[in-house]
Amino acid sequence: MTYVADLGQGQSLAIDNIGTQTTITWEIKTAGSQQSQQMSLSLGKWSASPIIYRMTHGFVLQIESNQRPYYVRLQSNSISLLSEVPLMLGAEEVPLRYVASSSPKMPEMKPLEPLRMGKMTMRMEPMEMSMGNMNVSTSSSSTPHFCSQCGNKVKESDRFCSQCGNKLS
């Protein structure tokens, strides 16, 4: 579960709950600078949506878990877990928005282009190398196999390592 909030004045908040782990990320963007604070806490599984309150000096985040309610203060570029229920006089609730995930999606990777240096060319899939008239390539059938236990070179048809007796997969 991930919730995000625009806190105003270039501030944003993301709250993630995965299993029993809660991660709070607070970003502050101003002209020419960006600061990010993050805290990860083991608060248990959430039993309700989190609530963020704007206070006179900073913010208070309320997280209801299956264990108990927790309160987290965001103030002066720091995040801290409070040991008691804060005085909430004049608190204003800030809207939180549920999103699928706050973590950015990794871009899709293109296959590696062949590496060229002068007359030498290297390619990864399948592994090939050429330099002038000399060509070297490996295919899955000629790839050497090694014992995962002792590192001894073994044949693909071997069922056990001749060095240590380890069963080969």
N, C-alpha and C. Protein backbone atom coordinates (compact mmCIF):
# COMPACT_ATOMS: atom_id res chain seq x y z
N MET A 1 0.85 -1.18 0.00
CA MET A 1 0.00 0.00 0.00
C MET A 1 0.89 1.23 0.00
N THR A 2 0.58 2.18 -0.84
CA THR A 2 1.34 3.41 -0.90
C THR A 2 0.38 4.59 -0.95
N TYR A 3 0.68 5.58 -0.13
CA TYR A 3 -0.09 6.82 -0.12
C TYR A 3 0.86 7.98 -0.34
N VAL A 4 0.40 9.01 -1.05
CA VAL A 4 1.21 10.20 -1.29
C VAL A 4 0.39 11.43 -0.93
N ALA A 5 1.11 12.50 -0.58
CA ALA A 5 0.44 13.76 -0.25
C ALA A 5 1.30 14.92 -0.72
N ASP A 6 0.64 15.97 -1.21
CA ASP A 6 1.30 17.23 -1.51
C ASP A 6 1.13 18.09 -0.27
N LEU A 7 2.22 18.40 0.42
CA LEU A 7 2.16 19.14 1.67
C LEU A 7 2.28 20.64 1.47
N GLY A 8 2.42 21.08 0.21
CA GLY A 8 2.55 22.50 -0.08
C GLY A 8 3.98 22.98 0.06
N GLN A 9 4.27 24.14 -0.48
CA GLN A 9 5.59 24.76 -0.42
C GLN A 9 6.71 23.82 -0.88
N GLY A 10 6.43 23.04 -1.96
CA GLY A 10 7.44 22.15 -2.52
C GLY A 10 7.68 20.88 -1.71
N GLN A 11 6.80 20.56 -0.78
CA GLN A 11 6.97 19.38 0.07
C GLN A 11 6.02 18.27 -0.37
N SER A 12 6.53 17.04 -0.41
CA SER A 12 5.68 15.90 -0.73
C SER A 12 6.03 14.76 0.22
N LEU A 13 5.06 13.87 0.41
CA LEU A 13 5.21 12.77 1.34
C LEU A 13 4.75 11.49 0.67
N ALA A 14 5.50 10.40 0.84
CA ALA A 14 5.10 9.07 0.36
C ALA A 14 5.21 8.13 1.54
N ILE A 15 4.15 7.33 1.76
CA ILE A 15 4.11 6.39 2.87
C ILE A 15 3.82 5.02 2.28
N ASP A 16 4.74 4.07 2.47
CA ASP A 16 4.60 2.71 1.95
C ASP A 16 4.44 1.73 3.10
N ASN A 17 3.62 0.70 2.90
CA ASN A 17 3.50 -0.38 3.86
C ASN A 17 3.59 -1.69 3.10
N ILE A 18 4.66 -2.43 3.36
CA ILE A 18 4.85 -3.75 2.75
C ILE A 18 5.02 -4.72 3.91
N GLY A 19 4.03 -5.58 4.10
CA GLY A 19 4.06 -6.51 5.23
C GLY A 19 3.98 -5.74 6.54
N THR A 20 5.00 -5.87 7.36
CA THR A 20 5.04 -5.16 8.64
C THR A 20 5.91 -3.91 8.58
N GLN A 21 6.53 -3.66 7.43
CA GLN A 21 7.48 -2.55 7.28
C GLN A 21 6.80 -1.31 6.70
N THR A 22 6.97 -0.17 7.35
CA THR A 22 6.46 1.11 6.88
C THR A 22 7.64 2.00 6.51
N THR A 23 7.61 2.58 5.32
CA THR A 23 8.66 3.49 4.88
C THR A 23 8.03 4.86 4.61
N ILE A 24 8.61 5.88 5.20
CA ILE A 24 8.13 7.26 5.06
C ILE A 24 9.21 8.04 4.33
N THR A 25 8.84 8.67 3.21
CA THR A 25 9.77 9.48 2.44
C THR A 25 9.21 10.89 2.34
N TRP A 26 9.99 11.87 2.80
CA TRP A 26 9.58 13.27 2.82
C TRP A 26 10.55 14.04 1.94
N GLU A 27 10.05 14.66 0.88
CA GLU A 27 10.88 15.44 -0.03
C GLU A 27 10.53 16.91 0.07
N ILE A 28 11.57 17.73 0.08
CA ILE A 28 11.40 19.18 0.13
C ILE A 28 12.20 19.78 -1.02
N LYS A 29 11.48 20.44 -1.96
CA LYS A 29 12.12 21.06 -3.12
C LYS A 29 11.96 22.57 -3.01
N THR A 30 13.09 23.25 -3.09
CA THR A 30 13.09 24.71 -3.13
C THR A 30 13.90 25.14 -4.34
N ALA A 31 13.91 26.42 -4.63
CA ALA A 31 14.66 26.92 -5.80
C ALA A 31 16.12 26.51 -5.68
N GLY A 32 16.56 25.66 -6.59
CA GLY A 32 17.97 25.26 -6.65
C GLY A 32 18.37 24.15 -5.70
N SER A 33 17.47 23.59 -4.90
CA SER A 33 17.87 22.50 -4.01
C SER A 33 16.72 21.51 -3.80
N GLN A 34 17.10 20.32 -3.41
CA GLN A 34 16.13 19.28 -3.11
C GLN A 34 16.68 18.45 -1.96
N GLN A 35 15.84 18.24 -0.94
CA GLN A 35 16.23 17.43 0.20
C GLN A 35 15.24 16.28 0.32
N SER A 36 15.73 15.15 0.77
CA SER A 36 14.87 13.99 0.95
C SER A 36 15.24 13.30 2.25
N GLN A 37 14.25 13.03 3.07
CA GLN A 37 14.44 12.31 4.32
C GLN A 37 13.64 11.02 4.21
N GLN A 38 14.18 9.93 4.74
CA GLN A 38 13.46 8.67 4.70
C GLN A 38 13.65 7.94 6.02
N MET A 39 12.57 7.31 6.49
CA MET A 39 12.63 6.51 7.70
C MET A 39 11.87 5.22 7.45
N SER A 40 12.43 4.11 7.88
CA SER A 40 11.78 2.82 7.74
C SER A 40 11.54 2.27 9.14
N LEU A 41 10.29 1.88 9.40
CA LEU A 41 9.90 1.42 10.73
C LEU A 41 9.14 0.10 10.63
N SER A 42 9.31 -0.74 11.62
CA SER A 42 8.54 -1.99 11.69
C SER A 42 7.36 -1.74 12.62
N LEU A 43 6.23 -1.31 12.03
CA LEU A 43 5.06 -0.94 12.82
C LEU A 43 3.96 -1.98 12.76
N GLY A 44 4.12 -3.02 11.96
CA GLY A 44 3.07 -4.01 11.78
C GLY A 44 2.24 -3.67 10.55
N LYS A 45 1.29 -4.53 10.26
CA LYS A 45 0.42 -4.33 9.12
C LYS A 45 -0.61 -3.25 9.45
N TRP A 46 -0.85 -2.36 8.49
CA TRP A 46 -1.81 -1.28 8.72
C TRP A 46 -3.22 -1.84 8.86
N SER A 47 -3.99 -1.27 9.79
CA SER A 47 -5.39 -1.65 9.95
C SER A 47 -6.32 -0.58 9.40
N ALA A 48 -5.77 0.57 9.05
CA ALA A 48 -6.54 1.68 8.46
C ALA A 48 -5.60 2.52 7.61
N SER A 49 -6.17 3.36 6.76
CA SER A 49 -5.36 4.27 5.95
C SER A 49 -4.66 5.28 6.86
N PRO A 50 -3.43 5.68 6.53
CA PRO A 50 -2.74 6.68 7.35
C PRO A 50 -3.42 8.04 7.21
N ILE A 51 -3.16 8.90 8.18
CA ILE A 51 -3.70 10.27 8.17
C ILE A 51 -2.54 11.21 8.44
N ILE A 52 -2.45 12.30 7.67
CA ILE A 52 -1.41 13.31 7.89
C ILE A 52 -2.10 14.61 8.33
N TYR A 53 -1.55 15.22 9.38
CA TYR A 53 -2.10 16.46 9.92
C TYR A 53 -1.06 17.57 9.80
N ARG A 54 -1.51 18.75 9.37
CA ARG A 54 -0.67 19.95 9.34
C ARG A 54 -0.78 20.59 10.72
N MET A 55 0.35 20.80 11.35
CA MET A 55 0.39 21.42 12.68
C MET A 55 0.99 22.82 12.55
N THR A 56 1.04 23.56 13.62
CA THR A 56 1.64 24.89 13.60
C THR A 56 3.10 24.82 13.13
N HIS A 57 3.83 23.84 13.63
CA HIS A 57 5.24 23.66 13.26
C HIS A 57 5.44 22.25 12.72
N GLY A 58 5.18 22.05 11.44
CA GLY A 58 5.41 20.75 10.82
C GLY A 58 4.15 19.94 10.63
N PHE A 59 4.32 18.60 10.63
CA PHE A 59 3.24 17.67 10.34
C PHE A 59 3.30 16.51 11.32
N VAL A 60 2.16 15.87 11.54
CA VAL A 60 2.09 14.64 12.33
C VAL A 60 1.38 13.60 11.48
N LEU A 61 2.00 12.44 11.35
CA LEU A 61 1.45 11.32 10.60
C LEU A 61 0.92 10.30 11.59
N GLN A 62 -0.33 9.89 11.41
CA GLN A 62 -0.94 8.88 12.27
C GLN A 62 -1.07 7.59 11.48
N ILE A 63 -0.52 6.51 12.02
CA ILE A 63 -0.57 5.20 11.37
C ILE A 63 -1.20 4.21 12.33
N GLU A 64 -2.33 3.66 11.92
CA GLU A 64 -3.02 2.64 12.71
C GLU A 64 -2.53 1.28 12.23
N SER A 65 -1.94 0.51 13.14
CA SER A 65 -1.49 -0.83 12.76
C SER A 65 -2.27 -1.86 13.56
N ASN A 66 -2.02 -3.13 13.24
CA ASN A 66 -2.69 -4.19 13.99
C ASN A 66 -2.16 -4.27 15.42
N GLN A 67 -1.09 -3.53 15.75
CA GLN A 67 -0.53 -3.52 17.10
C GLN A 67 -1.12 -2.37 17.93
N ARG A 68 -1.06 -1.16 17.35
CA ARG A 68 -1.55 0.04 18.05
C ARG A 68 -1.39 1.23 17.13
N PRO A 69 -1.91 2.42 17.50
CA PRO A 69 -1.66 3.61 16.67
C PRO A 69 -0.25 4.15 16.93
N TYR A 70 0.38 4.62 15.87
CA TYR A 70 1.71 5.25 15.95
C TYR A 70 1.59 6.67 15.43
N TYR A 71 2.46 7.55 15.96
CA TYR A 71 2.49 8.95 15.53
C TYR A 71 3.93 9.29 15.16
N VAL A 72 4.07 9.92 14.00
CA VAL A 72 5.39 10.29 13.47
C VAL A 72 5.37 11.78 13.20
N ARG A 73 6.40 12.50 13.70
CA ARG A 73 6.50 13.95 13.49
C ARG A 73 7.45 14.22 12.33
N LEU A 74 7.02 15.12 11.44
CA LEU A 74 7.86 15.62 10.35
C LEU A 74 8.06 17.10 10.63
N GLN A 75 9.26 17.46 11.02
CA GLN A 75 9.51 18.85 11.41
C GLN A 75 10.99 19.16 11.25
N SER A 76 11.28 20.35 10.77
CA SER A 76 12.68 20.83 10.61
C SER A 76 13.55 19.83 9.87
N ASN A 77 13.07 19.34 8.74
CA ASN A 77 13.82 18.41 7.89
C ASN A 77 14.17 17.10 8.59
N SER A 78 13.39 16.68 9.59
CA SER A 78 13.64 15.40 10.25
C SER A 78 12.33 14.66 10.47
N ILE A 79 12.44 13.34 10.55
CA ILE A 79 11.31 12.46 10.79
C ILE A 79 11.59 11.73 12.09
N SER A 80 10.63 11.75 13.03
CA SER A 80 10.85 11.08 14.30
C SER A 80 9.58 10.40 14.79
N LEU A 81 9.74 9.21 15.34
CA LEU A 81 8.63 8.45 15.91
C LEU A 81 8.36 9.01 17.30
N LEU A 82 7.11 9.37 17.58
CA LEU A 82 6.74 9.94 18.87
C LEU A 82 6.42 8.82 19.85
N SER A 83 6.77 9.03 21.11
CA SER A 83 6.53 8.01 22.13
C SER A 83 5.15 8.13 22.76
N GLU A 84 4.45 9.26 22.53
CA GLU A 84 3.11 9.43 23.08
C GLU A 84 2.23 10.17 22.08
N VAL A 85 0.95 10.16 22.34
CA VAL A 85 -0.01 10.83 21.46
C VAL A 85 0.22 12.33 21.54
N PRO A 86 0.43 12.99 20.39
CA PRO A 86 0.70 14.43 20.42
C PRO A 86 -0.59 15.23 20.64
N LEU A 87 -0.43 16.43 21.16
CA LEU A 87 -1.55 17.35 21.33
C LEU A 87 -1.92 17.86 19.94
N MET A 88 -3.16 17.64 19.51
CA MET A 88 -3.55 17.92 18.13
C MET A 88 -4.43 19.15 18.01
N LEU A 89 -4.31 20.12 18.92
CA LEU A 89 -5.11 21.35 18.86
C LEU A 89 -4.81 22.11 17.57
N GLY A 90 -5.84 22.47 16.82
CA GLY A 90 -5.67 23.25 15.60
C GLY A 90 -5.12 22.46 14.43
N ALA A 91 -5.06 21.14 14.54
CA ALA A 91 -4.52 20.31 13.46
C ALA A 91 -5.48 20.31 12.27
N GLU A 92 -4.90 20.34 11.08
CA GLU A 92 -5.69 20.32 9.84
C GLU A 92 -5.29 19.08 9.05
N GLU A 93 -6.25 18.25 8.70
CA GLU A 93 -5.96 17.04 7.94
C GLU A 93 -5.59 17.39 6.51
N VAL A 94 -4.51 16.78 6.01
CA VAL A 94 -4.04 16.97 4.64
C VAL A 94 -4.47 15.74 3.84
N PRO A 95 -5.07 15.94 2.65
CA PRO A 95 -5.53 14.78 1.88
C PRO A 95 -4.38 13.89 1.43
N LEU A 96 -4.57 12.59 1.59
CA LEU A 96 -3.64 11.57 1.09
C LEU A 96 -4.30 10.88 -0.08
N ARG A 97 -3.47 10.50 -1.06
CA ARG A 97 -3.97 9.84 -2.26
C ARG A 97 -3.33 8.46 -2.36
N TYR A 98 -4.16 7.44 -2.54
CA TYR A 98 -3.66 6.07 -2.71
C TYR A 98 -3.10 5.90 -4.12
N VAL A 99 -1.90 5.34 -4.22
CA VAL A 99 -1.30 5.02 -5.52
C VAL A 99 -0.81 3.59 -5.47
N ALA A 100 -0.61 3.00 -6.64
CA ALA A 100 -0.17 1.60 -6.70
C ALA A 100 1.20 1.44 -6.06
N SER A 101 2.13 2.35 -6.37
CA SER A 101 3.48 2.25 -5.81
C SER A 101 4.17 3.59 -5.98
N SER A 102 4.99 3.97 -4.98
CA SER A 102 5.73 5.23 -5.10
C SER A 102 7.10 5.02 -5.72
N SER A 103 7.53 3.74 -5.82
CA SER A 103 8.85 3.50 -6.39
C SER A 103 8.79 3.61 -7.90
N PRO A 104 9.75 4.31 -8.49
CA PRO A 104 9.72 4.50 -9.94
C PRO A 104 9.96 3.18 -10.66
N LYS A 105 9.29 3.02 -11.81
CA LYS A 105 9.46 1.82 -12.61
C LYS A 105 10.81 1.88 -13.30
N MET A 106 11.51 0.75 -13.22
CA MET A 106 12.82 0.67 -13.87
C MET A 106 12.62 0.71 -15.38
N PRO A 107 13.44 1.50 -16.09
CA PRO A 107 13.31 1.53 -17.53
C PRO A 107 13.71 0.20 -18.15
N GLU A 108 13.07 -0.13 -19.26
CA GLU A 108 13.39 -1.38 -19.94
C GLU A 108 14.79 -1.28 -20.53
N MET A 109 15.58 -2.33 -20.33
CA MET A 109 16.96 -2.34 -20.79
C MET A 109 17.04 -2.86 -22.22
N LYS A 110 17.82 -2.17 -23.04
CA LYS A 110 18.09 -2.62 -24.39
C LYS A 110 19.20 -3.67 -24.33
N PRO A 111 19.23 -4.59 -25.31
CA PRO A 111 20.35 -5.53 -25.35
C PRO A 111 21.65 -4.76 -25.57
N LEU A 112 22.73 -5.30 -25.01
CA LEU A 112 24.02 -4.64 -25.15
C LEU A 112 24.49 -4.66 -26.60
N GLU A 113 24.97 -3.53 -27.05
CA GLU A 113 25.54 -3.43 -28.38
C GLU A 113 26.94 -4.04 -28.33
N PRO A 114 27.43 -4.57 -29.46
CA PRO A 114 28.80 -5.10 -29.48
C PRO A 114 29.80 -4.01 -29.12
N LEU A 115 30.81 -4.37 -28.33
CA LEU A 115 31.87 -3.45 -27.93
C LEU A 115 32.96 -3.50 -29.00
N ARG A 116 33.34 -2.34 -29.50
CA ARG A 116 34.37 -2.28 -30.54
C ARG A 116 35.52 -1.40 -30.06
N MET A 117 36.74 -1.96 -30.21
CA MET A 117 37.95 -1.20 -29.90
C MET A 117 38.96 -1.49 -31.01
N GLY A 118 39.12 -0.54 -31.91
CA GLY A 118 40.02 -0.75 -33.04
C GLY A 118 39.53 -1.93 -33.88
N LYS A 119 40.38 -2.96 -34.02
CA LYS A 119 40.02 -4.13 -34.81
C LYS A 119 39.38 -5.23 -33.96
N MET A 120 39.18 -4.97 -32.68
CA MET A 120 38.60 -5.98 -31.80
C MET A 120 37.10 -5.70 -31.58
N THR A 121 36.29 -6.77 -31.62
CA THR A 121 34.85 -6.67 -31.38
C THR A 121 34.45 -7.73 -30.36
N MET A 122 33.63 -7.34 -29.37
CA MET A 122 33.12 -8.29 -28.37
C MET A 122 31.60 -8.19 -28.33
N ARG A 123 30.94 -9.33 -28.26
CA ARG A 123 29.48 -9.41 -28.17
C ARG A 123 29.16 -10.34 -26.99
N MET A 124 28.09 -10.01 -26.22
CA MET A 124 27.76 -10.79 -25.04
C MET A 124 26.85 -11.98 -25.33
N GLU A 125 25.82 -11.82 -26.11
CA GLU A 125 24.86 -12.90 -26.36
C GLU A 125 24.76 -13.22 -27.83
N PRO A 126 25.25 -14.30 -28.34
CA PRO A 126 26.11 -15.25 -27.64
C PRO A 126 27.51 -14.65 -27.50
N MET A 127 28.28 -15.17 -26.56
CA MET A 127 29.61 -14.64 -26.30
C MET A 127 30.50 -14.86 -27.52
N GLU A 128 30.96 -13.77 -28.13
CA GLU A 128 31.83 -13.83 -29.30
C GLU A 128 32.89 -12.75 -29.19
N MET A 129 34.06 -13.05 -29.70
CA MET A 129 35.11 -12.05 -29.74
C MET A 129 35.88 -12.25 -31.05
N SER A 130 36.14 -11.15 -31.74
CA SER A 130 36.94 -11.25 -32.95
C SER A 130 38.01 -10.16 -32.93
N MET A 131 39.19 -10.52 -33.42
CA MET A 131 40.28 -9.56 -33.49
C MET A 131 41.02 -9.84 -34.80
N GLY A 132 40.82 -8.93 -35.76
CA GLY A 132 41.39 -9.16 -37.09
C GLY A 132 40.75 -10.39 -37.71
N ASN A 133 41.59 -11.40 -38.07
CA ASN A 133 41.09 -12.64 -38.66
C ASN A 133 40.75 -13.70 -37.62
N MET A 134 41.04 -13.45 -36.33
CA MET A 134 40.82 -14.45 -35.29
C MET A 134 39.42 -14.28 -34.68
N ASN A 135 38.65 -15.37 -34.61
CA ASN A 135 37.31 -15.36 -34.02
C ASN A 135 37.23 -16.39 -32.91
N VAL A 136 36.65 -16.01 -31.80
CA VAL A 136 36.43 -16.92 -30.69
C VAL A 136 34.97 -16.77 -30.29
N SER A 137 34.27 -17.90 -30.16
CA SER A 137 32.89 -17.83 -29.70
C SER A 137 32.62 -19.00 -28.78
N THR A 138 31.64 -18.81 -27.90
CA THR A 138 31.21 -19.89 -27.02
C THR A 138 29.73 -20.09 -27.21
N SER A 139 29.31 -21.29 -27.16
CA SER A 139 27.88 -21.59 -27.18
C SER A 139 27.58 -22.39 -25.92
N SER A 140 26.31 -22.59 -25.64
CA SER A 140 25.94 -23.26 -24.40
C SER A 140 26.53 -24.67 -24.32
N SER A 141 26.72 -25.33 -25.46
CA SER A 141 27.25 -26.69 -25.42
C SER A 141 28.74 -26.72 -25.11
N SER A 142 29.48 -25.66 -25.41
CA SER A 142 30.91 -25.66 -25.15
C SER A 142 31.27 -24.89 -23.87
N THR A 143 30.27 -24.39 -23.16
CA THR A 143 30.54 -23.66 -21.92
C THR A 143 31.00 -24.65 -20.86
N PRO A 144 32.13 -24.40 -20.21
CA PRO A 144 32.60 -25.33 -19.20
C PRO A 144 31.66 -25.35 -17.99
N HIS A 145 31.56 -26.51 -17.36
CA HIS A 145 30.73 -26.67 -16.17
C HIS A 145 31.64 -26.91 -14.98
N PHE A 146 31.21 -26.41 -13.80
CA PHE A 146 32.00 -26.54 -12.60
C PHE A 146 31.13 -27.00 -11.45
N CYS A 147 31.71 -27.73 -10.52
CA CYS A 147 31.01 -28.18 -9.32
C CYS A 147 30.70 -26.98 -8.43
N SER A 148 29.45 -26.87 -7.99
CA SER A 148 29.06 -25.74 -7.14
C SER A 148 29.66 -25.85 -5.73
N GLN A 149 30.12 -27.05 -5.34
CA GLN A 149 30.68 -27.26 -4.01
C GLN A 149 32.17 -26.92 -3.95
N CYS A 150 32.97 -27.50 -4.89
CA CYS A 150 34.44 -27.34 -4.80
C CYS A 150 35.04 -26.58 -5.98
N GLY A 151 34.26 -26.34 -7.05
CA GLY A 151 34.77 -25.59 -8.19
C GLY A 151 35.51 -26.43 -9.21
N ASN A 152 35.57 -27.73 -9.01
CA ASN A 152 36.24 -28.62 -9.95
C ASN A 152 35.51 -28.64 -11.29
N LYS A 153 36.27 -28.67 -12.39
CA LYS A 153 35.65 -28.74 -13.72
C LYS A 153 35.02 -30.12 -13.90
N VAL A 154 33.74 -30.12 -14.36
CA VAL A 154 33.02 -31.37 -14.56
C VAL A 154 32.43 -31.40 -15.96
N LYS A 155 32.07 -32.60 -16.43
CA LYS A 155 31.42 -32.73 -17.72
C LYS A 155 29.93 -32.53 -17.55
N GLU A 156 29.26 -32.09 -18.61
CA GLU A 156 27.82 -31.87 -18.56
C GLU A 156 27.07 -33.16 -18.23
N SER A 157 27.62 -34.32 -18.65
CA SER A 157 26.97 -35.61 -18.42
C SER A 157 27.23 -36.17 -17.01
N ASP A 158 28.17 -35.58 -16.25
CA ASP A 158 28.47 -36.07 -14.90
C ASP A 158 27.29 -35.85 -13.97
N ARG A 159 27.03 -36.86 -13.12
CA ARG A 159 25.97 -36.74 -12.13
C ARG A 159 26.54 -36.38 -10.76
N PHE A 160 27.82 -36.74 -10.54
CA PHE A 160 28.49 -36.43 -9.28
C PHE A 160 29.88 -35.88 -9.59
N CYS A 161 30.39 -35.02 -8.72
CA CYS A 161 31.74 -34.46 -8.88
C CYS A 161 32.76 -35.52 -8.53
N SER A 162 33.76 -35.71 -9.40
CA SER A 162 34.80 -36.70 -9.15
C SER A 162 35.77 -36.25 -8.05
N GLN A 163 35.80 -34.96 -7.72
CA GLN A 163 36.70 -34.41 -6.72
C GLN A 163 36.12 -34.55 -5.31
N CYS A 164 34.86 -34.10 -5.13
CA CYS A 164 34.30 -34.04 -3.76
C CYS A 164 33.06 -34.92 -3.59
N GLY A 165 32.53 -35.49 -4.67
CA GLY A 165 31.35 -36.35 -4.58
C GLY A 165 30.03 -35.63 -4.54
N ASN A 166 30.04 -34.30 -4.67
CA ASN A 166 28.79 -33.50 -4.63
C ASN A 166 27.88 -33.91 -5.78
N LYS A 167 26.56 -34.06 -5.47
CA LYS A 167 25.58 -34.36 -6.51
C LYS A 167 25.40 -33.12 -7.38
N LEU A 168 25.54 -33.31 -8.69
CA LEU A 168 25.41 -32.20 -9.64
C LEU A 168 24.00 -32.13 -10.14
N SER A 169 23.51 -30.91 -10.38
CA SER A 169 22.12 -30.76 -10.86
C SER A 169 22.03 -30.84 -12.35
